[in-house]
Protein backbone atom coordinates (compact mmCIF):
# COMPACT_ATOMS: atom_id res chain seq x y z
CA MET A 1 24.08 30.60 -1.57
CA PHE A 2 20.86 29.00 -3.14
CA THR A 3 22.69 25.58 -4.02
CA THR A 4 24.76 25.40 -0.77
CA ALA A 5 22.14 26.55 1.85
CA THR A 6 23.54 25.43 5.30
CA THR A 7 21.94 27.86 7.94
CA THR A 8 18.31 27.97 8.73
CA SER A 9 17.95 31.67 7.22
CA GLN A 10 19.66 30.63 3.92
CA LYS A 11 17.27 27.64 3.73
CA LEU A 12 14.24 29.67 4.47
CA LEU A 13 15.48 31.96 1.70
CA GLN A 14 16.03 29.11 -0.80
CA MET A 15 12.38 27.99 -0.07
CA GLY A 16 10.95 31.35 -0.56
CA ALA A 17 12.95 31.63 -3.92
CA ALA A 18 11.58 28.30 -5.03
CA ILE A 19 8.01 29.21 -4.28
CA LEU A 20 8.39 32.71 -6.03
CA LEU A 21 9.89 30.88 -9.12
CA PHE A 22 6.91 28.27 -9.24
CA ALA A 23 4.50 31.15 -8.95
CA ALA A 24 6.32 33.04 -11.88
CA VAL A 25 6.26 30.07 -13.95
CA ILE A 26 2.44 29.14 -13.28
CA GLY A 27 1.70 33.04 -14.01
CA LEU A 28 3.65 33.05 -17.32
CA ILE A 29 1.80 29.71 -18.27
CA LEU A 30 -1.58 31.24 -17.51
CA PHE A 31 -0.62 34.64 -19.26
CA ILE A 32 0.31 32.84 -22.50
CA ALA A 33 -2.37 30.72 -22.57
CA GLY A 34 -4.83 33.67 -21.96
CA ARG A 35 -3.54 34.84 -25.14
CA PHE A 36 -4.66 31.66 -27.01
CA THR A 37 -7.85 31.41 -25.40
CA GLY A 38 -10.79 30.56 -27.96
CA LYS A 39 -8.11 30.63 -30.91
CA ARG A 40 -5.95 27.21 -30.83
CA ASP A 41 -7.33 24.73 -28.38
CA ARG A 42 -4.35 22.43 -29.08
CA ALA A 43 -1.74 25.13 -28.33
CA VAL A 44 -3.62 25.67 -25.06
CA ALA A 45 -3.80 22.00 -24.05
CA ALA A 46 -0.05 21.51 -25.02
CA LEU A 47 0.85 24.78 -22.89
CA TYR A 48 -0.87 23.16 -19.88
CA LEU A 49 0.37 19.78 -20.27
CA GLY A 50 3.90 20.64 -21.24
CA PRO A 51 5.10 21.36 -17.58
CA THR A 52 3.44 18.18 -16.42
CA VAL A 53 4.94 15.96 -18.82
CA LEU A 54 8.35 17.71 -18.13
CA MET A 55 8.07 17.06 -14.36
CA LEU A 56 6.86 13.61 -14.80
CA SER A 57 9.95 12.62 -17.05
CA VAL A 58 12.38 14.40 -14.83
CA GLY A 59 10.79 13.04 -11.54
CA LEU A 60 9.41 9.54 -12.88
CA LEU A 61 10.54 8.55 -16.17
CA TYR A 62 14.32 9.37 -15.80
CA PRO A 63 14.52 7.81 -12.44
CA GLY A 64 12.67 4.68 -13.64
CA LEU A 65 14.74 4.18 -16.57
CA ARG A 66 18.12 4.84 -14.64
CA THR A 67 16.79 2.24 -12.13
CA ILE A 68 16.32 -0.17 -14.80
CA TYR A 69 19.86 0.43 -16.20
CA GLN A 70 21.42 0.21 -12.70
CA SER A 71 19.92 -3.36 -12.25
CA PHE A 72 22.26 -4.67 -14.82
CA LEU A 73 25.17 -3.14 -12.88
CA ASP A 74 27.30 -4.63 -9.80
CA ALA A 75 26.91 -3.55 -6.14
CA SER A 76 29.14 -0.32 -6.80
CA LEU A 77 27.33 0.48 -10.03
CA LYS A 78 30.75 0.45 -11.90
CA SER A 79 30.68 -2.83 -13.86
CA PHE A 80 28.19 -4.39 -16.30
CA VAL A 81 26.94 -7.71 -14.94
CA GLY A 82 23.86 -8.74 -17.22
CA PHE A 83 21.09 -10.35 -15.59
CA ASP A 84 23.28 -11.63 -12.63
CA ASN A 85 21.29 -9.53 -10.08
CA TYR A 86 17.92 -11.10 -11.28
CA ALA A 87 19.49 -14.60 -11.37
CA THR A 88 20.35 -13.77 -7.54
CA ILE A 89 16.84 -12.87 -6.78
CA LEU A 90 15.47 -15.99 -8.25
CA SER A 91 18.20 -18.43 -6.93
CA ASP A 92 19.52 -17.12 -3.62
CA PRO A 93 17.66 -18.79 -0.57
CA GLU A 94 17.32 -15.31 1.19
CA GLN A 95 15.95 -13.70 -1.95
CA LEU A 96 13.58 -16.68 -2.44
CA SER A 97 12.42 -16.19 1.20
CA VAL A 98 11.78 -12.52 0.36
CA LEU A 99 9.55 -13.65 -2.60
CA ARG A 100 7.82 -16.18 -0.78
CA ASN A 101 7.03 -13.67 1.88
CA THR A 102 5.88 -10.99 -0.83
CA ALA A 103 3.38 -13.82 -2.04
CA PHE A 104 2.05 -14.42 1.27
CA TRP A 105 1.27 -10.68 1.66
CA VAL A 106 -0.31 -10.37 -1.70
CA LEU A 107 -2.27 -13.38 -1.66
CA VAL A 108 -3.67 -13.11 1.69
CA THR A 109 -3.99 -9.29 2.59
CA PRO A 110 -6.06 -7.98 -0.07
CA PHE A 111 -8.83 -10.90 -0.02
CA VAL A 112 -8.79 -10.92 4.18
CA ALA A 113 -9.12 -7.20 4.45
CA THR A 114 -11.73 -6.92 1.66
CA GLY A 115 -13.75 -9.76 3.03
CA VAL A 116 -13.65 -8.34 6.93
CA GLY A 117 -14.44 -4.93 5.42
CA LEU A 118 -17.64 -6.36 3.38
CA LEU A 119 -18.64 -8.32 6.05
CA TYR A 120 -18.62 -5.50 8.70
CA ALA A 121 -20.32 -3.30 6.03
CA ILE A 122 -23.19 -5.75 5.59
CA LEU A 123 -23.69 -6.26 9.32
CA VAL A 124 -24.06 -2.54 10.26
CA ASP A 125 -25.71 -1.49 7.44
CA LYS A 126 -28.91 0.39 8.53
CA ALA A 127 -28.09 -0.75 12.10
CA ARG A 128 -28.54 1.59 15.11
CA MET A 129 -25.36 3.59 15.85
CA GLU A 130 -24.13 2.57 12.49
CA SER A 131 -21.76 5.67 12.14
CA PHE A 132 -20.26 4.78 15.49
CA ALA A 133 -19.72 1.28 14.42
CA LYS A 134 -18.14 2.41 11.22
CA ALA A 135 -15.94 4.97 12.86
CA LEU A 136 -14.31 2.27 15.09
CA ILE A 137 -13.18 0.11 12.16
CA PHE A 138 -12.07 3.19 10.34
CA LEU A 139 -9.93 4.46 12.93
CA PRO A 140 -6.81 2.74 12.17
CA MET A 141 -6.77 4.15 8.80
CA SER A 142 -6.08 7.45 10.65
CA ILE A 143 -2.59 6.50 11.94
CA SER A 144 0.59 5.73 9.92
CA PHE A 145 1.83 2.27 9.40
CA VAL A 146 4.84 3.15 11.67
CA ALA A 147 2.39 3.82 14.48
CA ALA A 148 0.37 0.79 13.83
CA GLY A 149 3.52 -1.20 13.83
CA VAL A 150 4.50 0.08 17.09
CA ILE A 151 1.12 -0.55 18.65
CA TRP A 152 1.19 -4.21 17.46
CA LYS A 153 4.70 -4.88 18.53
CA PHE A 154 3.41 -4.24 22.04
CA MET A 155 0.50 -6.45 21.38
CA TYR A 156 2.99 -9.27 20.46
CA GLU A 157 5.52 -8.28 23.26
CA PHE A 158 7.01 -11.41 24.98
CA ARG A 159 8.22 -11.70 28.63
CA PRO A 160 9.82 -14.84 30.06
CA ASN A 161 7.03 -16.79 32.18
CA GLN A 162 9.00 -16.57 35.57
CA GLY A 163 6.54 -16.23 38.54
CA THR A 164 6.08 -12.29 39.23
CA VAL A 165 7.06 -11.42 35.68
CA LYS A 166 3.83 -10.40 33.92
CA GLN A 167 2.98 -10.12 30.12
CA ILE A 168 2.58 -6.78 28.71
CA GLY A 169 1.56 -8.14 25.37
CA LEU A 170 -2.11 -8.68 24.96
CA VAL A 171 -1.65 -11.76 22.72
CA ASN A 172 0.89 -13.56 25.09
CA GLN A 173 -1.38 -12.55 28.07
CA ILE A 174 -4.38 -14.37 26.65
CA ILE A 175 -2.05 -17.51 25.91
CA VAL A 176 -1.09 -17.76 29.56
CA TRP A 177 -4.69 -17.01 30.62
CA LEU A 178 -5.55 -20.15 28.48
CA GLY A 179 -2.94 -22.07 30.19
CA GLY A 180 -0.14 -21.99 27.48
CA GLU A 181 3.36 -20.87 27.64
CA PRO A 182 4.28 -17.43 26.18
CA GLN A 183 5.90 -17.23 22.63
CA GLN A 184 8.12 -15.18 21.06
CA LEU A 185 5.76 -14.63 18.25
CA LEU A 186 7.98 -12.34 16.01
CA ILE A 187 10.79 -14.63 15.62
CA ASP A 188 8.98 -17.88 14.46
CA SER A 189 8.76 -18.20 10.83
CA PRO A 190 6.51 -18.33 8.79
CA LEU A 191 4.03 -17.39 11.83
CA ASN A 192 5.58 -14.04 12.15
CA THR A 193 4.88 -13.00 8.66
CA PHE A 194 1.13 -13.80 9.19
CA LEU A 195 1.20 -11.79 12.29
CA LEU A 196 2.73 -8.88 10.28
CA ILE A 197 -0.10 -9.31 7.67
CA ALA A 198 -2.65 -9.10 10.48
CA VAL A 199 -1.45 -5.55 11.10
CA MET A 200 -2.17 -4.54 7.37
CA VAL A 201 -5.51 -6.23 7.55
CA TRP A 202 -6.45 -4.13 10.86
CA ILE A 203 -5.46 -0.94 8.87
CA GLN A 204 -7.01 -1.75 5.45
CA ALA A 205 -10.28 -3.20 6.52
CA GLY A 206 -11.71 0.26 7.48
CA PHE A 207 -10.78 1.41 3.77
CA ALA A 208 -12.59 -1.71 2.51
CA MET A 209 -15.66 -1.29 4.63
CA THR A 210 -15.97 2.51 3.62
CA VAL A 211 -15.84 2.07 -0.11
CA LEU A 212 -18.00 -1.13 0.02
CA SER A 213 -20.50 0.18 2.37
CA ALA A 214 -20.93 3.27 -0.02
CA ALA A 215 -21.44 0.91 -2.77
CA ILE A 216 -24.26 -1.20 -0.90
CA LYS A 217 -26.11 1.89 -0.09
CA ALA A 218 -26.10 2.91 -3.77
CA ILE A 219 -28.05 -0.30 -4.57
CA PRO A 220 -31.50 0.82 -5.79
CA ASP A 221 -34.25 -0.05 -3.13
CA ASP A 222 -36.61 -1.16 -5.93
CA ILE A 223 -34.17 -4.37 -6.85
CA ILE A 224 -34.03 -5.09 -3.08
CA GLU A 225 -37.48 -5.25 -2.47
CA ALA A 226 -38.16 -7.18 -5.70
CA ALA A 227 -35.80 -9.81 -4.44
CA ARG A 228 -37.54 -9.74 -0.99
CA LEU A 229 -40.95 -10.15 -2.62
CA ASP A 230 -39.51 -13.27 -4.70
CA GLY A 231 -38.58 -14.90 -1.48
CA VAL A 232 -35.02 -14.36 -1.45
CA GLY A 233 -33.18 -15.21 1.71
CA PRO A 234 -30.28 -13.51 3.26
CA TRP A 235 -27.61 -15.56 1.54
CA GLY A 236 -29.57 -15.28 -1.78
CA MET A 237 -29.50 -11.78 -1.38
CA PHE A 238 -26.00 -11.54 -0.98
CA ARG A 239 -24.83 -13.82 -3.74
CA PHE A 240 -27.49 -12.80 -6.41
CA VAL A 241 -27.96 -9.17 -5.68
CA THR A 242 -25.47 -7.37 -3.36
CA LEU A 243 -22.36 -8.96 -4.57
CA PRO A 244 -22.91 -8.51 -8.26
CA ALA A 245 -24.12 -4.89 -7.49
CA ILE A 246 -20.89 -4.07 -5.93
CA ARG A 247 -18.48 -6.09 -7.98
CA PRO A 248 -16.69 -2.94 -9.47
CA ALA A 249 -16.22 -1.67 -6.02
CA VAL A 250 -14.87 -4.97 -4.80
CA ILE A 251 -12.55 -5.34 -7.44
CA VAL A 252 -11.21 -1.59 -7.00
CA VAL A 253 -10.65 -2.36 -3.13
CA VAL A 254 -8.74 -5.52 -3.79
CA THR A 255 -6.54 -4.20 -6.31
CA THR A 256 -5.87 -0.94 -4.32
CA ILE A 257 -4.95 -2.89 -1.43
CA ALA A 258 -2.87 -5.44 -3.14
CA ILE A 259 -0.85 -2.60 -4.85
CA GLY A 260 -0.07 -1.16 -1.27
CA THR A 261 0.68 -4.53 0.04
CA LEU A 262 3.28 -5.00 -2.67
CA LYS A 263 4.99 -1.69 -1.44
CA VAL A 264 4.76 -2.52 2.26
CA PHE A 265 7.65 -1.38 4.25
CA ASP A 266 6.84 0.65 7.31
CA ILE A 267 5.16 -2.59 9.16
CA VAL A 268 8.05 -4.85 8.38
CA GLN A 269 10.84 -2.34 9.09
CA THR A 270 9.17 -1.15 12.32
CA MET A 271 8.13 -4.55 13.85
CA THR A 272 10.87 -6.83 12.83
CA GLY A 273 13.49 -4.93 10.54
CA GLY A 274 13.14 -7.70 7.88
CA ARG A 275 14.86 -10.01 10.47
CA PHE A 276 13.65 -13.58 11.42
CA ASP A 277 12.76 -14.45 7.92
CA THR A 278 10.24 -11.55 7.34
CA SER A 279 11.52 -9.40 4.85
CA VAL A 280 9.63 -8.34 1.65
CA ILE A 281 10.55 -6.97 -1.69
CA ALA A 282 10.43 -3.24 -0.62
CA ASN A 283 12.07 -3.81 2.67
CA GLU A 284 14.74 -5.91 0.87
CA PHE A 285 15.08 -2.99 -1.69
CA TYR A 286 15.72 -0.81 1.29
CA SER A 287 18.15 -3.11 3.07
CA GLN A 288 20.19 -3.88 0.04
CA THR A 289 20.61 -0.40 -1.39
CA PHE A 290 21.42 1.55 2.01
CA ARG A 291 22.52 -1.11 4.55
CA SER A 292 24.30 -3.53 2.49
CA ASP A 293 25.41 -0.75 -0.30
CA ASN A 294 24.54 -3.44 -2.85
CA ARG A 295 22.90 -0.79 -5.10
CA GLY A 296 22.71 -3.20 -8.26
CA LEU A 297 20.68 -5.83 -6.48
CA GLY A 298 18.61 -3.00 -4.73
CA ALA A 299 17.58 -1.58 -8.44
CA ALA A 300 16.81 -5.02 -9.52
CA LEU A 301 14.45 -5.52 -6.55
CA ALA A 302 12.96 -2.37 -7.37
CA VAL A 303 12.37 -3.52 -11.01
CA VAL A 304 10.90 -6.53 -9.85
CA LEU A 305 8.43 -4.68 -7.65
CA PHE A 306 7.62 -2.40 -10.70
CA ILE A 307 6.92 -5.59 -12.69
CA LEU A 308 4.67 -7.20 -10.03
CA VAL A 309 2.54 -3.72 -9.85
CA ILE A 310 1.76 -3.51 -13.60
CA PRO A 311 -0.64 -6.70 -14.15
CA ILE A 312 -2.58 -5.37 -11.25
CA VAL A 313 -2.93 -1.71 -12.46
CA VAL A 314 -3.67 -2.98 -16.02
CA TYR A 315 -6.54 -5.45 -14.51
CA ASN A 316 -7.85 -2.45 -12.54
CA ILE A 317 -7.96 -0.10 -15.58
CA ARG A 318 -9.44 -2.88 -17.77
CA GLN A 319 -12.40 -3.78 -15.15
CA LEU A 320 -12.93 0.15 -14.69
CA ARG A 321 -13.30 0.49 -18.47
CA ARG A 322 -15.79 -2.59 -18.40
CA SER A 323 -17.87 -1.12 -15.61
CA GLU A 324 -18.15 2.19 -17.40
CA ALA A 325 -19.17 0.65 -20.78
């Protein structure tokens, strides 16, 4: 019954049993650790870390290794094909388009979002109604990527310019007001990719602003006053005082947004479904695995995504260690 629960009552019973089992395991660990307290620190540490290492191995390490193995198999995961899936990613025109779009996302989104957030943080710093101004740009962070995609899909909505037909998309309405013809914005490549990127920037600018604003407020007042007494202007204040002081925070923001951008899926899937030459690696991984049933190529795309994330994570860790030193 616990392994083949079908009814609601059976599923609730299964959930309750899982919670009780979890509580029993944690209680056993705490009981055994209490017996070792003050005697064997290494034994206590191993006791606490053991379940964590086990769960990470089962939930992260094993699936990762299995995905790498599957990336060398064919679509049905029955025959070994070597590096054929990776060769397809690097040679097939559609997959090259996916890599190109991913590059656009990673090269544009982190820097534009960080730049917008930093500019906003500087402009509203110590201004009247600062909290309200920050809340406005932070609001998009409170909604999901799917909701943001739905909102912006309406923003880009297209209606033919036929007399009584009125535009419901704000962007096309502005184009009409300016005397232009409404455009099907989400089907024109590569413009549509940058229009999707704008949604990600809209969301992440609030995160960048929050972190960078906190970093700016942490700059000692005596440094700012000394710079002003030396006659440093606004641009010089930003270049020689503010930016060097918040450099670690800027790096964290850029790398964090870059990692999130590499994994972007919701926005693309919601707004275009990866059609019209807008697919990125994460979306293509989903499409190949679950729609085209090409699990070998899907696994290879997942591995490529993992490889692209590693340098960013390593760089972030090194910069954090350097700033701490």
